[in-house]
Amino acid sequence: MRIALGQLASGADIRANLAAIDRFAAEAARDGAALVAFPEYATYEKKKVDATFPAVAEPLDGPICQELATIARRHRIALVAGVVETSEEPGRAYNTLVAFGPDGGRLASYRKIHLFDAQGFGESEFIKPGPSTEPVVFEHGGVRFGLMTCYDLRFPELARSLVDAGAQVLLVCSSWVPGEHKTEQWLALNAARAIENSVYVAGVCQAPPVSVGRSVLVDPMGVVEADLGLAAGVRTVEVSLDTVDRVRESFPMFRQRRL
């Protein structure tokens, strides 16, 4: 299957962000991609999460998600993107990934469970953690995709639970905050999750300056198949279930693990 990584430079202009998503989805579809993945906070982003995030939040059947569904349907491509979802708690929203099929139907949604209260940031002040820790996996085109968001990447047990639930490709939709050694950690952790689980990892990130960029596709052996660098853009890449099966046969970790 061909999938696409959409590295955005999202800001506070929701209409401009949706227009960029539409352009990149169109380019991915022209390049034969069956699915395009966009970062965390794809539709609304700032350098730091603040009170404006819950203020712009919408339910998953609201206008923003309706527009994402329309983009998917217009270009006949599955689409995954990060949105700010209304929660039941005033003053806090959910940081949510939502996936739409080529028909515009919703395939899955995942509310981020590990919030970025680190490095001087306090995401949980305005964002509510997802109440469910159940792994979110959906199927499209015969491939099973697992959903993770940014800081989740530092918690290997979530990746393992997604693979136990059948994931063959992990979509890590992120806005990885810059800082000392952060780019190196981003690249190393995407590779680690791929190697230890014998899966593809598609780490899709916001571009600088809000994030580190460097969206990557890592294969099950830890080989970086694509790296988008620092600029906003979209890249179509191949994922092969035969490769997943071959690596899992060579390294039968799931039959051998003791814990």
C-alpha atoms as a PDB file:
ATOM      1  CA  MET A   1       0.000   0.000   0.000  1.00  0.00           C
ATOM      2  CA  ARG A   2       1.069   3.563  -0.669  1.00  0.00           C
ATOM      3  CA  ILE A   3       0.485   6.008   2.178  1.00  0.00           C
ATOM      4  CA  ALA A   4       1.418   9.668   2.496  1.00  0.00           C
ATOM      5  CA  LEU A   5       2.973  11.729   5.280  1.00  0.00           C
ATOM      6  CA  GLY A   6       1.599  15.273   5.407  1.00  0.00           C
ATOM      7  CA  GLN A   7       3.958  17.579   7.299  1.00  0.00           C
ATOM      8  CA  LEU A   8       2.049  20.768   8.062  1.00  0.00           C
ATOM      9  CA  ALA A   9       2.979  24.173   9.444  1.00  0.00           C
ATOM     10  CA  SER A  10      -0.366  24.697  11.144  1.00  0.00           C
ATOM     11  CA  GLY A  11      -1.252  27.899  12.966  1.00  0.00           C
ATOM     12  CA  ALA A  12      -4.255  29.606  14.511  1.00  0.00           C
ATOM     13  CA  ASP A  13      -6.036  30.175  11.184  1.00  0.00           C
ATOM     14  CA  ILE A  14      -8.317  27.147  10.945  1.00  0.00           C
ATOM     15  CA  ARG A  15      -9.403  27.888   7.362  1.00  0.00           C
ATOM     16  CA  ALA A  16      -5.788  28.150   6.202  1.00  0.00           C
ATOM     17  CA  ASN A  17      -4.954  24.870   7.937  1.00  0.00           C
ATOM     18  CA  LEU A  18      -7.874  23.103   6.273  1.00  0.00           C
ATOM     19  CA  ALA A  19      -6.818  24.529   2.900  1.00  0.00           C
ATOM     20  CA  ALA A  20      -3.302  23.103   3.392  1.00  0.00           C
ATOM     21  CA  ILE A  21      -4.762  19.720   4.341  1.00  0.00           C
ATOM     22  CA  ASP A  22      -6.891  19.801   1.184  1.00  0.00           C
ATOM     23  CA  ARG A  23      -3.877  20.621  -1.029  1.00  0.00           C
ATOM     24  CA  PHE A  24      -1.709  17.903   0.483  1.00  0.00           C
ATOM     25  CA  ALA A  25      -4.525  15.328   0.345  1.00  0.00           C
ATOM     26  CA  ALA A  26      -5.015  16.115  -3.347  1.00  0.00           C
ATOM     27  CA  GLU A  27      -1.279  15.711  -4.007  1.00  0.00           C
ATOM     28  CA  ALA A  28      -1.166  12.425  -2.089  1.00  0.00           C
ATOM     29  CA  ALA A  29      -4.149  11.076  -4.009  1.00  0.00           C
ATOM     30  CA  ARG A  30      -2.564  12.030  -7.347  1.00  0.00           C
ATOM     31  CA  ASP A  31       0.538  10.111  -6.251  1.00  0.00           C
ATOM     32  CA  GLY A  32      -1.498   6.975  -5.621  1.00  0.00           C
ATOM     33  CA  ALA A  33      -1.658   7.064  -1.824  1.00  0.00           C
ATOM     34  CA  ALA A  34      -4.552   5.190  -0.219  1.00  0.00           C
ATOM     35  CA  LEU A  35      -4.169   7.104   3.062  1.00  0.00           C
ATOM     36  CA  VAL A  36      -2.658  10.415   4.134  1.00  0.00           C
ATOM     37  CA  ALA A  37      -1.712  11.139   7.758  1.00  0.00           C
ATOM     38  CA  PHE A  38      -1.396  14.642   9.207  1.00  0.00           C
ATOM     39  CA  PRO A  39       0.008  15.796  12.572  1.00  0.00           C
ATOM     40  CA  GLU A  40      -1.476  16.391  15.976  1.00  0.00           C
ATOM     41  CA  TYR A  41      -3.331  19.722  16.187  1.00  0.00           C
ATOM     42  CA  ALA A  42      -3.515  19.783  12.386  1.00  0.00           C
ATOM     43  CA  THR A  43      -6.504  22.116  12.332  1.00  0.00           C
ATOM     44  CA  TYR A  44      -5.431  24.501  15.133  1.00  0.00           C
ATOM     45  CA  GLU A  45      -1.946  24.975  16.552  1.00  0.00           C
ATOM     46  CA  LYS A  46       0.118  27.512  18.522  1.00  0.00           C
ATOM     47  CA  LYS A  47       3.554  27.394  20.129  1.00  0.00           C
ATOM     48  CA  LYS A  48       1.920  26.595  23.458  1.00  0.00           C
ATOM     49  CA  VAL A  49      -1.476  25.161  24.358  1.00  0.00           C
ATOM     50  CA  ASP A  50      -3.611  27.871  25.976  1.00  0.00           C
ATOM     51  CA  ALA A  51      -7.228  28.797  26.695  1.00  0.00           C
ATOM     52  CA  THR A  52      -7.948  29.334  22.998  1.00  0.00           C
ATOM     53  CA  PHE A  53      -7.787  25.569  22.380  1.00  0.00           C
ATOM     54  CA  PRO A  54     -10.967  24.695  24.331  1.00  0.00           C
ATOM     55  CA  ALA A  55     -12.500  27.882  22.942  1.00  0.00           C
ATOM     56  CA  VAL A  56     -12.182  26.625  19.339  1.00  0.00           C
ATOM     57  CA  ALA A  57     -12.984  22.976  20.154  1.00  0.00           C
ATOM     58  CA  GLU A  58     -15.804  21.262  18.308  1.00  0.00           C
ATOM     59  CA  PRO A  59     -17.549  17.883  18.532  1.00  0.00           C
ATOM     60  CA  LEU A  60     -16.503  15.261  16.000  1.00  0.00           C
ATOM     61  CA  ASP A  61     -19.665  15.903  14.011  1.00  0.00           C
ATOM     62  CA  GLY A  62     -18.975  19.660  13.916  1.00  0.00           C
ATOM     63  CA  PRO A  63     -17.986  21.811  10.915  1.00  0.00           C
ATOM     64  CA  ILE A  64     -14.229  21.116  11.120  1.00  0.00           C
ATOM     65  CA  CYS A  65     -14.593  17.338  11.010  1.00  0.00           C
ATOM     66  CA  GLN A  66     -17.289  17.671   8.382  1.00  0.00           C
ATOM     67  CA  GLU A  67     -14.772  19.534   6.236  1.00  0.00           C
ATOM     68  CA  LEU A  68     -12.108  16.858   6.842  1.00  0.00           C
ATOM     69  CA  ALA A  69     -14.625  14.205   5.804  1.00  0.00           C
ATOM     70  CA  THR A  70     -15.418  16.222   2.674  1.00  0.00           C
ATOM     71  CA  ILE A  71     -11.700  16.447   1.808  1.00  0.00           C
ATOM     72  CA  ALA A  72     -11.333  12.677   2.172  1.00  0.00           C
ATOM     73  CA  ARG A  73     -14.395  12.091   0.009  1.00  0.00           C
ATOM     74  CA  ARG A  74     -13.357  14.686  -2.599  1.00  0.00           C
ATOM     75  CA  HIS A  75      -9.995  13.056  -3.160  1.00  0.00           C
ATOM     76  CA  ARG A  76     -11.098   9.451  -2.518  1.00  0.00           C
ATOM     77  CA  ILE A  77      -8.403   8.959   0.105  1.00  0.00           C
ATOM     78  CA  ALA A  78      -8.404   7.914   3.760  1.00  0.00           C
ATOM     79  CA  LEU A  79      -7.326  10.792   5.991  1.00  0.00           C
ATOM     80  CA  VAL A  80      -6.047  11.000   9.573  1.00  0.00           C
ATOM     81  CA  ALA A  81      -5.622  14.356  11.324  1.00  0.00           C
ATOM     82  CA  GLY A  82      -5.432  15.880  14.774  1.00  0.00           C
ATOM     83  CA  VAL A  83      -8.326  18.073  15.923  1.00  0.00           C
ATOM     84  CA  VAL A  84      -9.368  19.841  19.108  1.00  0.00           C
ATOM     85  CA  GLU A  85     -12.506  18.084  20.330  1.00  0.00           C
ATOM     86  CA  THR A  86     -15.069  19.450  22.771  1.00  0.00           C
ATOM     87  CA  SER A  87     -15.079  17.699  26.147  1.00  0.00           C
ATOM     88  CA  GLU A  88     -17.695  17.576  28.883  1.00  0.00           C
ATOM     89  CA  GLU A  89     -15.439  19.669  31.156  1.00  0.00           C
ATOM     90  CA  PRO A  90     -15.581  23.466  30.760  1.00  0.00           C
ATOM     91  CA  GLY A  91     -12.203  24.993  29.977  1.00  0.00           C
ATOM     92  CA  ARG A  92     -10.607  21.763  28.721  1.00  0.00           C
ATOM     93  CA  ALA A  93     -10.824  19.960  25.395  1.00  0.00           C
ATOM     94  CA  TYR A  94      -9.636  16.635  24.021  1.00  0.00           C
ATOM     95  CA  ASN A  95      -6.569  16.318  21.793  1.00  0.00           C
ATOM     96  CA  THR A  96      -8.074  13.889  19.294  1.00  0.00           C
ATOM     97  CA  LEU A  97      -7.000  12.043  16.173  1.00  0.00           C
ATOM     98  CA  VAL A  98      -9.788  11.289  13.756  1.00  0.00           C
ATOM     99  CA  ALA A  99      -9.668   9.006  10.710  1.00  0.00           C
ATOM    100  CA  PHE A 100     -12.021   9.229   7.737  1.00  0.00           C
ATOM    101  CA  GLY A 101     -12.392   6.780   4.873  1.00  0.00           C
ATOM    102  CA  PRO A 102     -12.503   7.668   1.159  1.00  0.00           C
ATOM    103  CA  ASP A 103     -16.291   7.804   1.426  1.00  0.00           C
ATOM    104  CA  GLY A 104     -16.084  10.409   4.186  1.00  0.00           C
ATOM    105  CA  GLY A 105     -17.235   7.981   6.869  1.00  0.00           C
ATOM    106  CA  ARG A 106     -15.441   8.052  10.193  1.00  0.00           C
ATOM    107  CA  LEU A 107     -13.153   5.040  10.607  1.00  0.00           C
ATOM    108  CA  ALA A 108     -11.835   5.742  14.124  1.00  0.00           C
ATOM    109  CA  SER A 109     -11.030   8.394  16.688  1.00  0.00           C
ATOM    110  CA  TYR A 110      -8.457   8.449  19.471  1.00  0.00           C
ATOM    111  CA  ARG A 111      -8.227  10.874  22.384  1.00  0.00           C
ATOM    112  CA  LYS A 112      -4.629  11.353  23.503  1.00  0.00           C
ATOM    113  CA  ILE A 113      -4.011   9.682  26.873  1.00  0.00           C
ATOM    114  CA  HIS A 114      -0.469  10.875  27.709  1.00  0.00           C
ATOM    115  CA  LEU A 115      -0.519  14.668  27.933  1.00  0.00           C
ATOM    116  CA  PHE A 116       2.654  16.717  27.568  1.00  0.00           C
ATOM    117  CA  ASP A 117       3.243  18.011  31.096  1.00  0.00           C
ATOM    118  CA  ALA A 118       7.000  18.208  30.633  1.00  0.00           C
ATOM    119  CA  GLN A 119       9.756  20.530  29.448  1.00  0.00           C
ATOM    120  CA  GLY A 120       7.958  23.511  31.027  1.00  0.00           C
ATOM    121  CA  PHE A 121       4.685  22.787  29.214  1.00  0.00           C
ATOM    122  CA  GLY A 122       1.393  21.987  30.881  1.00  0.00           C
ATOM    123  CA  GLU A 123      -0.884  20.535  28.206  1.00  0.00           C
ATOM    124  CA  SER A 124      -3.278  19.162  30.821  1.00  0.00           C
ATOM    125  CA  GLU A 125      -4.199  22.679  31.986  1.00  0.00           C
ATOM    126  CA  PHE A 126      -6.376  23.073  28.903  1.00  0.00           C
ATOM    127  CA  ILE A 127      -6.553  19.515  27.515  1.00  0.00           C
ATOM    128  CA  LYS A 128      -8.293  16.575  29.148  1.00  0.00           C
ATOM    129  CA  PRO A 129      -6.708  13.108  28.861  1.00  0.00           C
ATOM    130  CA  GLY A 130      -8.702  10.524  26.972  1.00  0.00           C
ATOM    131  CA  PRO A 131     -10.743   8.437  29.418  1.00  0.00           C
ATOM    132  CA  SER A 132     -10.089   5.136  27.634  1.00  0.00           C
ATOM    133  CA  THR A 133      -6.734   3.387  27.408  1.00  0.00           C
ATOM    134  CA  GLU A 134      -8.054   0.808  24.934  1.00  0.00           C
ATOM    135  CA  PRO A 135      -5.854   0.699  21.805  1.00  0.00           C
ATOM    136  CA  VAL A 136      -7.450   2.271  18.727  1.00  0.00           C
ATOM    137  CA  VAL A 137      -6.834   0.280  15.535  1.00  0.00           C
ATOM    138  CA  PHE A 138      -8.669   0.596  12.243  1.00  0.00           C
ATOM    139  CA  GLU A 139      -8.404  -1.227   8.920  1.00  0.00           C
ATOM    140  CA  HIS A 140      -8.158   0.325   5.507  1.00  0.00           C
ATOM    141  CA  GLY A 141      -7.186  -1.398   2.284  1.00  0.00           C
ATOM    142  CA  GLY A 142      -6.298  -4.604   4.114  1.00  0.00           C
ATOM    143  CA  VAL A 143      -3.800  -2.845   6.412  1.00  0.00           C
ATOM    144  CA  ARG A 144      -4.388  -2.338  10.138  1.00  0.00           C
ATOM    145  CA  PHE A 145      -3.327   1.055  11.474  1.00  0.00           C
ATOM    146  CA  GLY A 146      -2.812   1.963  15.134  1.00  0.00           C
ATOM    147  CA  LEU A 147      -3.150   5.530  16.414  1.00  0.00           C
ATOM    148  CA  MET A 148      -0.727   7.323  18.753  1.00  0.00           C
ATOM    149  CA  THR A 149      -0.232  11.015  19.492  1.00  0.00           C
ATOM    150  CA  CYS A 150       3.134  12.709  20.086  1.00  0.00           C
ATOM    151  CA  TYR A 151       4.095  12.208  23.775  1.00  0.00           C
ATOM    152  CA  ASP A 152       2.561   8.713  23.547  1.00  0.00           C
ATOM    153  CA  LEU A 153       5.726   7.772  21.664  1.00  0.00           C
ATOM    154  CA  ARG A 154       7.659   7.778  24.958  1.00  0.00           C
ATOM    155  CA  PHE A 155       5.369   5.067  26.385  1.00  0.00           C
ATOM    156  CA  PRO A 156       6.297   1.773  24.694  1.00  0.00           C
ATOM    157  CA  GLU A 157       3.445  -0.110  26.348  1.00  0.00           C
ATOM    158  CA  LEU A 158       0.927   1.792  24.212  1.00  0.00           C
ATOM    159  CA  ALA A 159       2.675   0.803  20.993  1.00  0.00           C
ATOM    160  CA  ARG A 160       2.814  -2.809  22.158  1.00  0.00           C
ATOM    161  CA  SER A 161      -0.907  -2.792  23.006  1.00  0.00           C
ATOM    162  CA  LEU A 162      -1.698  -1.487  19.511  1.00  0.00           C
ATOM    163  CA  VAL A 163       0.365  -4.256  17.931  1.00  0.00           C
ATOM    164  CA  ASP A 164      -1.299  -6.837  20.179  1.00  0.00           C
ATOM    165  CA  ALA A 165      -4.602  -5.467  18.826  1.00  0.00           C
ATOM    166  CA  GLY A 166      -3.399  -6.181  15.275  1.00  0.00           C
ATOM    167  CA  ALA A 167      -1.674  -2.979  14.131  1.00  0.00           C
ATOM    168  CA  GLN A 168       0.836  -3.381  11.297  1.00  0.00           C
ATOM    169  CA  VAL A 169       1.502   0.346  10.850  1.00  0.00           C
ATOM    170  CA  LEU A 170       1.651   2.826  13.732  1.00  0.00           C
ATOM    171  CA  LEU A 171       0.593   6.374  12.869  1.00  0.00           C
ATOM    172  CA  VAL A 172       2.304   8.692  15.368  1.00  0.00           C
ATOM    173  CA  CYS A 173       0.700  12.090  14.723  1.00  0.00           C
ATOM    174  CA  SER A 174       2.751  14.702  16.546  1.00  0.00           C
ATOM    175  CA  SER A 175       3.755  18.258  17.267  1.00  0.00           C
ATOM    176  CA  TRP A 176       7.072  17.386  18.906  1.00  0.00           C
ATOM    177  CA  VAL A 177       8.207  20.386  20.970  1.00  0.00           C
ATOM    178  CA  PRO A 178      11.745  21.556  20.074  1.00  0.00           C
ATOM    179  CA  GLY A 179      14.539  21.527  22.644  1.00  0.00           C
ATOM    180  CA  GLU A 180      17.855  19.990  23.578  1.00  0.00           C
ATOM    181  CA  HIS A 181      18.329  16.636  21.807  1.00  0.00           C
ATOM    182  CA  LYS A 182      14.621  16.574  20.922  1.00  0.00           C
ATOM    183  CA  THR A 183      15.100  15.853  17.213  1.00  0.00           C
ATOM    184  CA  GLU A 184      17.482  13.005  18.024  1.00  0.00           C
ATOM    185  CA  GLN A 185      14.967  11.594  20.507  1.00  0.00           C
ATOM    186  CA  TRP A 186      12.121  11.883  17.990  1.00  0.00           C
ATOM    187  CA  LEU A 187      14.049   9.909  15.398  1.00  0.00           C
ATOM    188  CA  ALA A 188      15.339   7.332  17.893  1.00  0.00           C
ATOM    189  CA  LEU A 189      11.934   6.671  19.456  1.00  0.00           C
ATOM    190  CA  ASN A 190      10.183   6.214  16.117  1.00  0.00           C
ATOM    191  CA  ALA A 191      12.868   3.692  15.160  1.00  0.00           C
ATOM    192  CA  ALA A 192      12.679   1.946  18.540  1.00  0.00           C
ATOM    193  CA  ARG A 193       8.912   1.478  18.350  1.00  0.00           C
ATOM    194  CA  ALA A 194       9.309   0.031  14.838  1.00  0.00           C
ATOM    195  CA  ILE A 195      12.100  -2.387  15.747  1.00  0.00           C
ATOM    196  CA  GLU A 196      10.682  -3.657  19.025  1.00  0.00           C
ATOM    197  CA  ASN A 197       7.255  -4.295  17.492  1.00  0.00           C
ATOM    198  CA  SER A 198       8.203  -5.371  13.938  1.00  0.00           C
ATOM    199  CA  VAL A 199       5.928  -2.749  12.399  1.00  0.00           C
ATOM    200  CA  TYR A 200       6.135   0.316  10.203  1.00  0.00           C
ATOM    201  CA  VAL A 201       6.041   3.582  12.115  1.00  0.00           C
ATOM    202  CA  ALA A 202       4.854   6.689  10.314  1.00  0.00           C
ATOM    203  CA  GLY A 203       5.831   9.612  12.538  1.00  0.00           C
ATOM    204  CA  VAL A 204       4.078  12.686  11.137  1.00  0.00           C
ATOM    205  CA  CYS A 205       5.097  15.990  12.700  1.00  0.00           C
ATOM    206  CA  GLN A 206       4.396  19.708  12.498  1.00  0.00           C
ATOM    207  CA  ALA A 207       7.138  21.749  10.815  1.00  0.00           C
ATOM    208  CA  PRO A 208       9.343  24.304  12.609  1.00  0.00           C
ATOM    209  CA  PRO A 209       9.210  26.633  14.439  1.00  0.00           C
ATOM    210  CA  VAL A 210       6.330  25.166  16.475  1.00  0.00           C
ATOM    211  CA  SER A 211       7.778  21.664  16.169  1.00  0.00           C
ATOM    212  CA  VAL A 212      10.866  19.823  14.921  1.00  0.00           C
ATOM    213  CA  GLY A 213       9.566  18.583  11.557  1.00  0.00           C
ATOM    214  CA  ARG A 214      11.450  15.466  10.365  1.00  0.00           C
ATOM    215  CA  SER A 215       8.355  13.394   9.612  1.00  0.00           C
ATOM    216  CA  VAL A 216       9.586   9.859   8.927  1.00  0.00           C
ATOM    217  CA  LEU A 217       8.568   6.417   7.778  1.00  0.00           C
ATOM    218  CA  VAL A 218      10.571   3.721   9.577  1.00  0.00           C
ATOM    219  CA  ASP A 219      10.345   0.110   8.416  1.00  0.00           C
ATOM    220  CA  PRO A 220      10.167  -2.925  10.760  1.00  0.00           C
ATOM    221  CA  MET A 221      13.956  -3.284  10.702  1.00  0.00           C
ATOM    222  CA  GLY A 222      14.453   0.333  11.777  1.00  0.00           C
ATOM    223  CA  VAL A 223      15.428   1.632   8.342  1.00  0.00           C
ATOM    224  CA  VAL A 224      14.256   5.189   7.680  1.00  0.00           C
ATOM    225  CA  GLU A 225      12.484   4.928   4.325  1.00  0.00           C
ATOM    226  CA  ALA A 226      11.558   8.628   4.159  1.00  0.00           C
ATOM    227  CA  ASP A 227      12.461  11.823   6.023  1.00  0.00           C
ATOM    228  CA  LEU A 228      10.643  15.037   5.111  1.00  0.00           C
ATOM    229  CA  GLY A 229      13.210  17.364   6.643  1.00  0.00           C
ATOM    230  CA  LEU A 230      12.102  20.731   8.004  1.00  0.00           C
ATOM    231  CA  ALA A 231       9.736  22.224   5.431  1.00  0.00           C
ATOM    232  CA  ALA A 232       6.013  21.653   5.151  1.00  0.00           C
ATOM    233  CA  GLY A 233       5.202  19.129   2.441  1.00  0.00           C
ATOM    234  CA  VAL A 234       3.760  15.736   1.616  1.00  0.00           C
ATOM    235  CA  ARG A 235       5.568  12.516   0.663  1.00  0.00           C
ATOM    236  CA  THR A 236       4.103   9.225  -0.553  1.00  0.00           C
ATOM    237  CA  VAL A 237       5.790   6.053   0.677  1.00  0.00           C
ATOM    238  CA  GLU A 238       5.276   2.288   0.442  1.00  0.00           C
ATOM    239  CA  VAL A 239       4.374  -0.063   3.278  1.00  0.00           C
ATOM    240  CA  SER A 240       4.515  -3.817   2.688  1.00  0.00           C
ATOM    241  CA  LEU A 241       2.742  -6.413   4.807  1.00  0.00           C
ATOM    242  CA  ASP A 242       5.133  -8.983   3.327  1.00  0.00           C
ATOM    243  CA  THR A 243       7.963  -7.053   4.961  1.00  0.00           C
ATOM    244  CA  VAL A 244       6.145  -7.061   8.304  1.00  0.00           C
ATOM    245  CA  ASP A 245       5.581 -10.834   8.045  1.00  0.00           C
ATOM    246  CA  ARG A 246       9.171 -11.523   6.979  1.00  0.00           C
ATOM    247  CA  VAL A 247      10.676  -9.518   9.859  1.00  0.00           C
ATOM    248  CA  ARG A 248       8.349 -11.141  12.379  1.00  0.00           C
ATOM    249  CA  GLU A 249       9.418 -14.553  11.118  1.00  0.00           C
ATOM    250  CA  SER A 250      13.103 -13.650  11.361  1.00  0.00           C
ATOM    251  CA  PHE A 251      12.667 -12.202  14.854  1.00  0.00           C
ATOM    252  CA  PRO A 252       9.749 -14.138  16.428  1.00  0.00           C
ATOM    253  CA  MET A 253       9.619 -11.904  19.509  1.00  0.00           C
ATOM    254  CA  PHE A 254       5.898 -12.206  19.966  1.00  0.00           C
ATOM    255  CA  ARG A 255       6.175 -15.983  20.353  1.00  0.00           C
ATOM    256  CA  GLN A 256       9.217 -15.687  22.600  1.00  0.00           C
ATOM    257  CA  ARG A 257       8.324 -12.931  25.052  1.00  0.00           C
ATOM    258  CA  ARG A 258       8.026 -13.911  28.693  1.00  0.00           C
ATOM    259  CA  LEU A 259       6.241 -10.893  30.208  1.00  0.00           C
END
